[in-house]
PDB file of N, CA and C in Angstrom:
ATOM      1  N   MET A   1       0.852  -1.175   0.000  1.00  0.00           N
ATOM      2  CA  MET A   1       0.000   0.000   0.000  1.00  0.00           C
ATOM      3  C   MET A   1       0.894   1.234   0.000  1.00  0.00           C
ATOM      4  N   ASN A   2       0.665   2.112  -0.934  1.00  0.00           N
ATOM      5  CA  ASN A   2       1.390   3.373  -1.013  1.00  0.00           C
ATOM      6  C   ASN A   2       0.736   4.354  -0.037  1.00  0.00           C
ATOM      7  N   PRO A   3       1.453   4.768   1.044  1.00  0.00           N
ATOM      8  CA  PRO A   3       0.853   5.636   2.060  1.00  0.00           C
ATOM      9  C   PRO A   3       0.282   6.935   1.497  1.00  0.00           C
ATOM     10  N   SER A   4       0.884   7.465   0.432  1.00  0.00           N
ATOM     11  CA  SER A   4       0.389   8.733  -0.103  1.00  0.00           C
ATOM     12  C   SER A   4      -0.931   8.558  -0.842  1.00  0.00           C
ATOM     13  N   LEU A   5      -1.248   7.333  -1.276  1.00  0.00           N
ATOM     14  CA  LEU A   5      -2.497   7.082  -1.989  1.00  0.00           C
ATOM     15  C   LEU A   5      -3.589   6.517  -1.087  1.00  0.00           C
ATOM     16  N   ALA A   6      -3.249   6.139   0.113  1.00  0.00           N
ATOM     17  CA  ALA A   6      -4.211   5.526   1.024  1.00  0.00           C
ATOM     18  C   ALA A   6      -5.140   6.578   1.614  1.00  0.00           C
ATOM     19  N   THR A   7      -6.371   6.183   1.757  1.00  0.00           N
ATOM     20  CA  THR A   7      -7.337   7.070   2.410  1.00  0.00           C
ATOM     21  C   THR A   7      -7.129   6.976   3.918  1.00  0.00           C
ATOM     22  N   PRO A   8      -7.631   7.942   4.661  1.00  0.00           N
ATOM     23  CA  PRO A   8      -7.526   7.843   6.125  1.00  0.00           C
ATOM     24  C   PRO A   8      -8.130   6.538   6.656  1.00  0.00           C
ATOM     25  N   ARG A   9      -9.213   6.095   6.042  1.00  0.00           N
ATOM     26  CA  ARG A   9      -9.840   4.846   6.485  1.00  0.00           C
ATOM     27  C   ARG A   9      -8.921   3.658   6.215  1.00  0.00           C
ATOM     28  N   ASP A  10      -8.249   3.656   5.043  1.00  0.00           N
ATOM     29  CA  ASP A  10      -7.299   2.582   4.717  1.00  0.00           C
ATOM     30  C   ASP A  10      -6.152   2.549   5.722  1.00  0.00           C
ATOM     31  N   ARG A  11      -5.626   3.715   6.038  1.00  0.00           N
ATOM     32  CA  ARG A  11      -4.516   3.779   7.002  1.00  0.00           C
ATOM     33  C   ARG A  11      -4.961   3.294   8.375  1.00  0.00           C
ATOM     34  N   GLU A  12      -6.158   3.724   8.776  1.00  0.00           N
ATOM     35  CA  GLU A  12      -6.688   3.289  10.077  1.00  0.00           C
ATOM     36  C   GLU A  12      -6.833   1.768  10.115  1.00  0.00           C
ATOM     37  N   GLU A  13      -7.359   1.185   9.057  1.00  0.00           N
ATOM     38  CA  GLU A  13      -7.538  -0.264   8.991  1.00  0.00           C
ATOM     39  C   GLU A  13      -6.185  -0.987   9.002  1.00  0.00           C
ATOM     40  N   PHE A  14      -5.214  -0.443   8.272  1.00  0.00           N
ATOM     41  CA  PHE A  14      -3.884  -1.030   8.236  1.00  0.00           C
ATOM     42  C   PHE A  14      -3.266  -1.055   9.637  1.00  0.00           C
ATOM     43  N   PHE A  15      -3.321   0.070  10.348  1.00  0.00           N
ATOM     44  CA  PHE A  15      -2.723   0.137  11.675  1.00  0.00           C
ATOM     45  C   PHE A  15      -3.483  -0.710  12.686  1.00  0.00           C
ATOM     46  N   ARG A  16      -4.792  -0.812  12.522  1.00  0.00           N
ATOM     47  CA  ARG A  16      -5.580  -1.669  13.418  1.00  0.00           C
ATOM     48  C   ARG A  16      -5.169  -3.126  13.230  1.00  0.00           C
ATOM     49  N   ALA A  17      -5.008  -3.543  11.983  1.00  0.00           N
ATOM     50  CA  ALA A  17      -4.584  -4.922  11.697  1.00  0.00           C
ATOM     51  C   ALA A  17      -3.164  -5.171  12.209  1.00  0.00           C
ATOM     52  N   ALA A  18      -2.288  -4.184  12.049  1.00  0.00           N
ATOM     53  CA  ALA A  18      -0.909  -4.337  12.532  1.00  0.00           C
ATOM     54  C   ALA A  18      -0.881  -4.456  14.056  1.00  0.00           C
ATOM     55  N   ARG A  19      -1.692  -3.659  14.752  1.00  0.00           N
ATOM     56  CA  ARG A  19      -1.749  -3.747  16.219  1.00  0.00           C
ATOM     57  C   ARG A  19      -2.295  -5.096  16.660  1.00  0.00           C
ATOM     58  N   ALA A  20      -3.311  -5.593  15.961  1.00  0.00           N
ATOM     59  CA  ALA A  20      -3.883  -6.899  16.301  1.00  0.00           C
ATOM     60  C   ALA A  20      -2.852  -8.008  16.102  1.00  0.00           C
ATOM     61  N   GLU A  21      -2.102  -7.938  15.021  1.00  0.00           N
ATOM     62  CA  GLU A  21      -1.078  -8.947  14.767  1.00  0.00           C
ATOM     63  C   GLU A  21       0.026  -8.899  15.819  1.00  0.00           C
ATOM     64  N   ALA A  22       0.439  -7.690  16.187  1.00  0.00           N
ATOM     65  CA  ALA A  22       1.471  -7.542  17.223  1.00  0.00           C
ATOM     66  C   ALA A  22       0.952  -8.076  18.556  1.00  0.00           C
ATOM     67  N   SER A  23      -0.302  -7.811  18.856  1.00  0.00           N
ATOM     68  CA  SER A  23      -0.900  -8.304  20.099  1.00  0.00           C
ATOM     69  C   SER A  23      -0.940  -9.830  20.113  1.00  0.00           C
ATOM     70  N   ASP A  24      -1.310 -10.430  18.997  1.00  0.00           N
ATOM     71  CA  ASP A  24      -1.331 -11.894  18.900  1.00  0.00           C
ATOM     72  C   ASP A  24       0.067 -12.477  19.099  1.00  0.00           C
ATOM     73  N   GLN A  25       1.059 -11.834  18.505  1.00  0.00           N
ATOM     74  CA  GLN A  25       2.433 -12.316  18.634  1.00  0.00           C
ATOM     75  C   GLN A  25       2.904 -12.214  20.083  1.00  0.00           C
ATOM     76  N   LEU A  26       2.583 -11.109  20.752  1.00  0.00           N
ATOM     77  CA  LEU A  26       2.967 -10.965  22.160  1.00  0.00           C
ATOM     78  C   LEU A  26       2.298 -12.021  23.028  1.00  0.00           C
ATOM     79  N   LEU A  27       1.034 -12.312  22.741  1.00  0.00           N
ATOM     80  CA  LEU A  27       0.319 -13.334  23.506  1.00  0.00           C
ATOM     81  C   LEU A  27       0.963 -14.702  23.304  1.00  0.00           C
ATOM     82  N   GLN A  28       1.326 -15.030  22.072  1.00  0.00           N
ATOM     83  CA  GLN A  28       1.988 -16.307  21.809  1.00  0.00           C
ATOM     84  C   GLN A  28       3.321 -16.399  22.540  1.00  0.00           C
ATOM     85  N   GLU A  29       4.080 -15.310  22.550  1.00  0.00           N
ATOM     86  CA  GLU A  29       5.365 -15.298  23.253  1.00  0.00           C
ATOM     87  C   GLU A  29       5.157 -15.450  24.756  1.00  0.00           C
ATOM     88  N   LEU A  30       4.135 -14.800  25.293  1.00  0.00           N
ATOM     89  CA  LEU A  30       3.824 -14.923  26.720  1.00  0.00           C
ATOM     90  C   LEU A  30       3.496 -16.368  27.073  1.00  0.00           C
ATOM     91  N   ILE A  31       2.656 -16.993  26.281  1.00  0.00           N
ATOM     92  CA  ILE A  31       2.259 -18.373  26.557  1.00  0.00           C
ATOM     93  C   ILE A  31       3.465 -19.305  26.461  1.00  0.00           C
ATOM     94  N   GLN A  32       4.314 -19.102  25.459  1.00  0.00           N
ATOM     95  CA  GLN A  32       5.492 -19.952  25.307  1.00  0.00           C
ATOM     96  C   GLN A  32       6.456 -19.780  26.471  1.00  0.00           C
ATOM     97  N   THR A  33       6.696 -18.541  26.880  1.00  0.00           N
ATOM     98  CA  THR A  33       7.588 -18.271  28.014  1.00  0.00           C
ATOM     99  C   THR A  33       7.037 -18.903  29.286  1.00  0.00           C
ATOM    100  N   MET A  34       5.739 -18.728  29.506  1.00  0.00           N
ATOM    101  CA  MET A  34       5.104 -19.288  30.698  1.00  0.00           C
ATOM    102  C   MET A  34       5.209 -20.813  30.673  1.00  0.00           C
ATOM    103  N   ALA A  35       4.939 -21.419  29.541  1.00  0.00           N
ATOM    104  CA  ALA A  35       5.012 -22.881  29.442  1.00  0.00           C
ATOM    105  C   ALA A  35       6.431 -23.370  29.699  1.00  0.00           C
ATOM    106  N   ASP A  36       7.416 -22.701  29.108  1.00  0.00           N
ATOM    107  CA  ASP A  36       8.817 -23.107  29.296  1.00  0.00           C
ATOM    108  C   ASP A  36       9.232 -23.009  30.757  1.00  0.00           C
ATOM    109  N   LYS A  37       8.945 -21.888  31.386  1.00  0.00           N
ATOM    110  CA  LYS A  37       9.361 -21.675  32.776  1.00  0.00           C
ATOM    111  C   LYS A  37       8.635 -22.620  33.727  1.00  0.00           C
ATOM    112  N   CYS A  38       7.339 -22.762  33.542  1.00  0.00           N
ATOM    113  CA  CYS A  38       6.578 -23.623  34.449  1.00  0.00           C
ATOM    114  C   CYS A  38       6.920 -25.098  34.243  1.00  0.00           C
ATOM    115  N   PHE A  39       7.159 -25.501  33.001  1.00  0.00           N
ATOM    116  CA  PHE A  39       7.559 -26.887  32.751  1.00  0.00           C
ATOM    117  C   PHE A  39       8.889 -27.175  33.441  1.00  0.00           C
ATOM    118  N   ALA A  40       9.846 -26.259  33.279  1.00  0.00           N
ATOM    119  CA  ALA A  40      11.166 -26.460  33.893  1.00  0.00           C
ATOM    120  C   ALA A  40      11.063 -26.537  35.413  1.00  0.00           C
ATOM    121  N   LYS A  41      10.166 -25.753  35.994  1.00  0.00           N
ATOM    122  CA  LYS A  41      10.023 -25.719  37.449  1.00  0.00           C
ATOM    123  C   LYS A  41       9.254 -26.936  37.979  1.00  0.00           C
ATOM    124  N   CYS A  42       8.230 -27.369  37.258  1.00  0.00           N
ATOM    125  CA  CYS A  42       7.285 -28.337  37.826  1.00  0.00           C
ATOM    126  C   CYS A  42       7.464 -29.784  37.355  1.00  0.00           C
ATOM    127  N   ILE A  43       8.036 -29.983  36.206  1.00  0.00           N
ATOM    128  CA  ILE A  43       8.130 -31.338  35.667  1.00  0.00           C
ATOM    129  C   ILE A  43       9.566 -31.835  35.844  1.00  0.00           C
ATOM    130  N   THR A  44       9.756 -32.641  36.862  1.00  0.00           N
ATOM    131  CA  THR A  44      11.102 -33.126  37.161  1.00  0.00           C
ATOM    132  C   THR A  44      11.428 -34.428  36.431  1.00  0.00           C
ATOM    133  N   LYS A  45      10.412 -35.240  36.195  1.00  0.00           N
ATOM    134  CA  LYS A  45      10.598 -36.510  35.491  1.00  0.00           C
ATOM    135  C   LYS A  45       9.498 -36.636  34.431  1.00  0.00           C
ATOM    136  N   PRO A  46       9.765 -36.150  33.223  1.00  0.00           N
ATOM    137  CA  PRO A  46       8.733 -36.227  32.176  1.00  0.00           C
ATOM    138  C   PRO A  46       8.264 -37.657  31.938  1.00  0.00           C
ATOM    139  N   SER A  47       6.964 -37.811  31.776  1.00  0.00           N
ATOM    140  CA  SER A  47       6.377 -39.120  31.476  1.00  0.00           C
ATOM    141  C   SER A  47       5.143 -38.885  30.602  1.00  0.00           C
ATOM    142  N   SER A  48       4.373 -39.918  30.406  1.00  0.00           N
ATOM    143  CA  SER A  48       3.208 -39.814  29.519  1.00  0.00           C
ATOM    144  C   SER A  48       2.021 -39.110  30.170  1.00  0.00           C
ATOM    145  N   SER A  49       2.077 -38.890  31.479  1.00  0.00           N
ATOM    146  CA  SER A  49       0.989 -38.177  32.148  1.00  0.00           C
ATOM    147  C   SER A  49       1.551 -37.383  33.329  1.00  0.00           C
ATOM    148  N   LEU A  50       0.767 -36.410  33.787  1.00  0.00           N
ATOM    149  CA  LEU A  50       1.181 -35.576  34.912  1.00  0.00           C
ATOM    150  C   LEU A  50       0.743 -36.202  36.226  1.00  0.00           C
ATOM    151  N   THR A  51       1.590 -36.060  37.229  1.00  0.00           N
ATOM    152  CA  THR A  51       1.173 -36.473  38.574  1.00  0.00           C
ATOM    153  C   THR A  51       0.282 -35.372  39.138  1.00  0.00           C
ATOM    154  N   GLY A  52      -0.381 -35.656  40.228  1.00  0.00           N
ATOM    155  CA  GLY A  52      -1.216 -34.641  40.872  1.00  0.00           C
ATOM    156  C   GLY A  52      -0.392 -33.446  41.315  1.00  0.00           C
ATOM    157  N   GLY A  53       0.800 -33.703  41.843  1.00  0.00           N
ATOM    158  CA  GLY A  53       1.673 -32.624  42.290  1.00  0.00           C
ATOM    159  C   GLY A  53       2.150 -31.761  41.129  1.00  0.00           C
ATOM    160  N   GLU A  54       2.480 -32.413  40.004  1.00  0.00           N
ATOM    161  CA  GLU A  54       2.920 -31.662  38.830  1.00  0.00           C
ATOM    162  C   GLU A  54       1.792 -30.790  38.290  1.00  0.00           C
ATOM    163  N   SER A  55       0.604 -31.345  38.250  1.00  0.00           N
ATOM    164  CA  SER A  55      -0.552 -30.606  37.758  1.00  0.00           C
ATOM    165  C   SER A  55      -0.839 -29.391  38.638  1.00  0.00           C
ATOM    166  N   ALA A  56      -0.792 -29.583  39.953  1.00  0.00           N
ATOM    167  CA  ALA A  56      -1.018 -28.481  40.886  1.00  0.00           C
ATOM    168  C   ALA A  56       0.080 -27.432  40.760  1.00  0.00           C
ATOM    169  N   CYS A  57       1.325 -27.874  40.623  1.00  0.00           N
ATOM    170  CA  CYS A  57       2.449 -26.964  40.470  1.00  0.00           C
ATOM    171  C   CYS A  57       2.288 -26.123  39.206  1.00  0.00           C
ATOM    172  N   LEU A  58       1.923 -26.769  38.088  1.00  0.00           N
ATOM    173  CA  LEU A  58       1.728 -26.041  36.835  1.00  0.00           C
ATOM    174  C   LEU A  58       0.622 -24.996  36.960  1.00  0.00           C
ATOM    175  N   ALA A  59      -0.484 -25.371  37.586  1.00  0.00           N
ATOM    176  CA  ALA A  59      -1.596 -24.432  37.744  1.00  0.00           C
ATOM    177  C   ALA A  59      -1.169 -23.228  38.580  1.00  0.00           C
ATOM    178  N   LYS A  60      -0.478 -23.476  39.687  1.00  0.00           N
ATOM    179  CA  LYS A  60      -0.021 -22.377  40.544  1.00  0.00           C
ATOM    180  C   LYS A  60       1.016 -21.521  39.839  1.00  0.00           C
ATOM    181  N   CYS A  61       1.928 -22.158  39.118  1.00  0.00           N
ATOM    182  CA  CYS A  61       2.974 -21.433  38.400  1.00  0.00           C
ATOM    183  C   CYS A  61       2.363 -20.512  37.350  1.00  0.00           C
ATOM    184  N   MET A  62       1.416 -21.021  36.575  1.00  0.00           N
ATOM    185  CA  MET A  62       0.779 -20.202  35.549  1.00  0.00           C
ATOM    186  C   MET A  62       0.002 -19.052  36.175  1.00  0.00           C
ATOM    187  N   ASP A  63      -0.703 -19.326  37.266  1.00  0.00           N
ATOM    188  CA  ASP A  63      -1.437 -18.261  37.966  1.00  0.00           C
ATOM    189  C   ASP A  63      -0.492 -17.162  38.442  1.00  0.00           C
ATOM    190  N   ARG A  64       0.622 -17.555  39.068  1.00  0.00           N
ATOM    191  CA  ARG A  64       1.598 -16.566  39.554  1.00  0.00           C
ATOM    192  C   ARG A  64       2.218 -15.786  38.410  1.00  0.00           C
ATOM    193  N   PHE A  65       2.534 -16.476  37.330  1.00  0.00           N
ATOM    194  CA  PHE A  65       3.144 -15.840  36.166  1.00  0.00           C
ATOM    195  C   PHE A  65       2.203 -14.760  35.608  1.00  0.00           C
ATOM    196  N   LEU A  66       0.929 -15.111  35.418  1.00  0.00           N
ATOM    197  CA  LEU A  66      -0.033 -14.151  34.870  1.00  0.00           C
ATOM    198  C   LEU A  66      -0.309 -13.017  35.849  1.00  0.00           C
ATOM    199  N   GLU A  67      -0.404 -13.332  37.129  1.00  0.00           N
ATOM    200  CA  GLU A  67      -0.638 -12.300  38.140  1.00  0.00           C
ATOM    201  C   GLU A  67       0.532 -11.313  38.174  1.00  0.00           C
ATOM    202  N   THR A  68       1.741 -11.833  38.139  1.00  0.00           N
ATOM    203  CA  THR A  68       2.935 -10.978  38.152  1.00  0.00           C
ATOM    204  C   THR A  68       2.981 -10.105  36.910  1.00  0.00           C
ATOM    205  N   ARG A  69       2.696 -10.684  35.765  1.00  0.00           N
ATOM    206  CA  ARG A  69       2.702  -9.909  34.527  1.00  0.00           C
ATOM    207  C   ARG A  69       1.657  -8.794  34.580  1.00  0.00           C
ATOM    208  N   THR A  70       0.491  -9.089  35.104  1.00  0.00           N
ATOM    209  CA  THR A  70      -0.567  -8.081  35.238  1.00  0.00           C
ATOM    210  C   THR A  70      -0.113  -6.945  36.142  1.00  0.00           C
ATOM    211  N   LEU A  71       0.528  -7.278  37.262  1.00  0.00           N
ATOM    212  CA  LEU A  71       1.015  -6.243  38.176  1.00  0.00           C
ATOM    213  C   LEU A  71       2.083  -5.372  37.527  1.00  0.00           C
ATOM    214  N   VAL A  72       2.971  -5.989  36.764  1.00  0.00           N
ATOM    215  CA  VAL A  72       4.029  -5.226  36.085  1.00  0.00           C
ATOM    216  C   VAL A  72       3.418  -4.283  35.044  1.00  0.00           C
ATOM    217  N   VAL A  73       2.472  -4.788  34.257  1.00  0.00           N
ATOM    218  CA  VAL A  73       1.825  -3.943  33.241  1.00  0.00           C
ATOM    219  C   VAL A  73       1.117  -2.772  33.895  1.00  0.00           C
ATOM    220  N   LYS A  74       0.401  -3.016  34.982  1.00  0.00           N
ATOM    221  CA  LYS A  74      -0.295  -1.922  35.686  1.00  0.00           C
ATOM    222  C   LYS A  74       0.699  -0.901  36.233  1.00  0.00           C
ATOM    223  N   ALA A  75       1.792  -1.377  36.789  1.00  0.00           N
ATOM    224  CA  ALA A  75       2.812  -0.462  37.321  1.00  0.00           C
ATOM    225  C   ALA A  75       3.405   0.399  36.206  1.00  0.00           C
ATOM    226  N   LEU A  76       3.680  -0.205  35.073  1.00  0.00           N
ATOM    227  CA  LEU A  76       4.220   0.537  33.936  1.00  0.00           C
ATOM    228  C   LEU A  76       3.211   1.557  33.403  1.00  0.00           C
ATOM    229  N   GLU A  77       1.938   1.175  33.371  1.00  0.00           N
ATOM    230  CA  GLU A  77       0.902   2.108  32.917  1.00  0.00           C
ATOM    231  C   GLU A  77       0.773   3.284  33.868  1.00  0.00           C
ATOM    232  N   ASN A  78       0.945   3.049  35.167  1.00  0.00           N
ATOM    233  CA  ASN A  78       0.837   4.131  36.159  1.00  0.00           C
ATOM    234  C   ASN A  78       2.009   5.102  36.070  1.00  0.00           C
ATOM    235  N   GLN A  79       3.132   4.648  35.513  1.00  0.00           N
ATOM    236  CA  GLN A  79       4.296   5.514  35.372  1.00  0.00           C
ATOM    237  C   GLN A  79       4.156   6.486  34.207  1.00  0.00           C
ATOM    238  N   ARG A  80       3.275   6.197  33.295  1.00  0.00           N
ATOM    239  CA  ARG A  80       3.097   7.044  32.101  1.00  0.00           C
ATOM    240  C   ARG A  80       2.450   8.340  32.432  1.00  0.00           C
TER     241      ARG A  80
END
């Protein structure tokens, strides 16, 4: 798309799509990071199924990870 030929509506749509794509990519990276960290912390002996302790550890780890990320984002927003 040639920016000089684009209408304001075209530009708005382009930037909206770009923001959505960036948001999707950040979400995928967050999920991958969380999975990697929690797996390393909670799964000591990989097998074909999770033990009750591993399952509980993963749930708590993911909850803490998301809670911490939410607190950091809020703190950063308050600094603006």
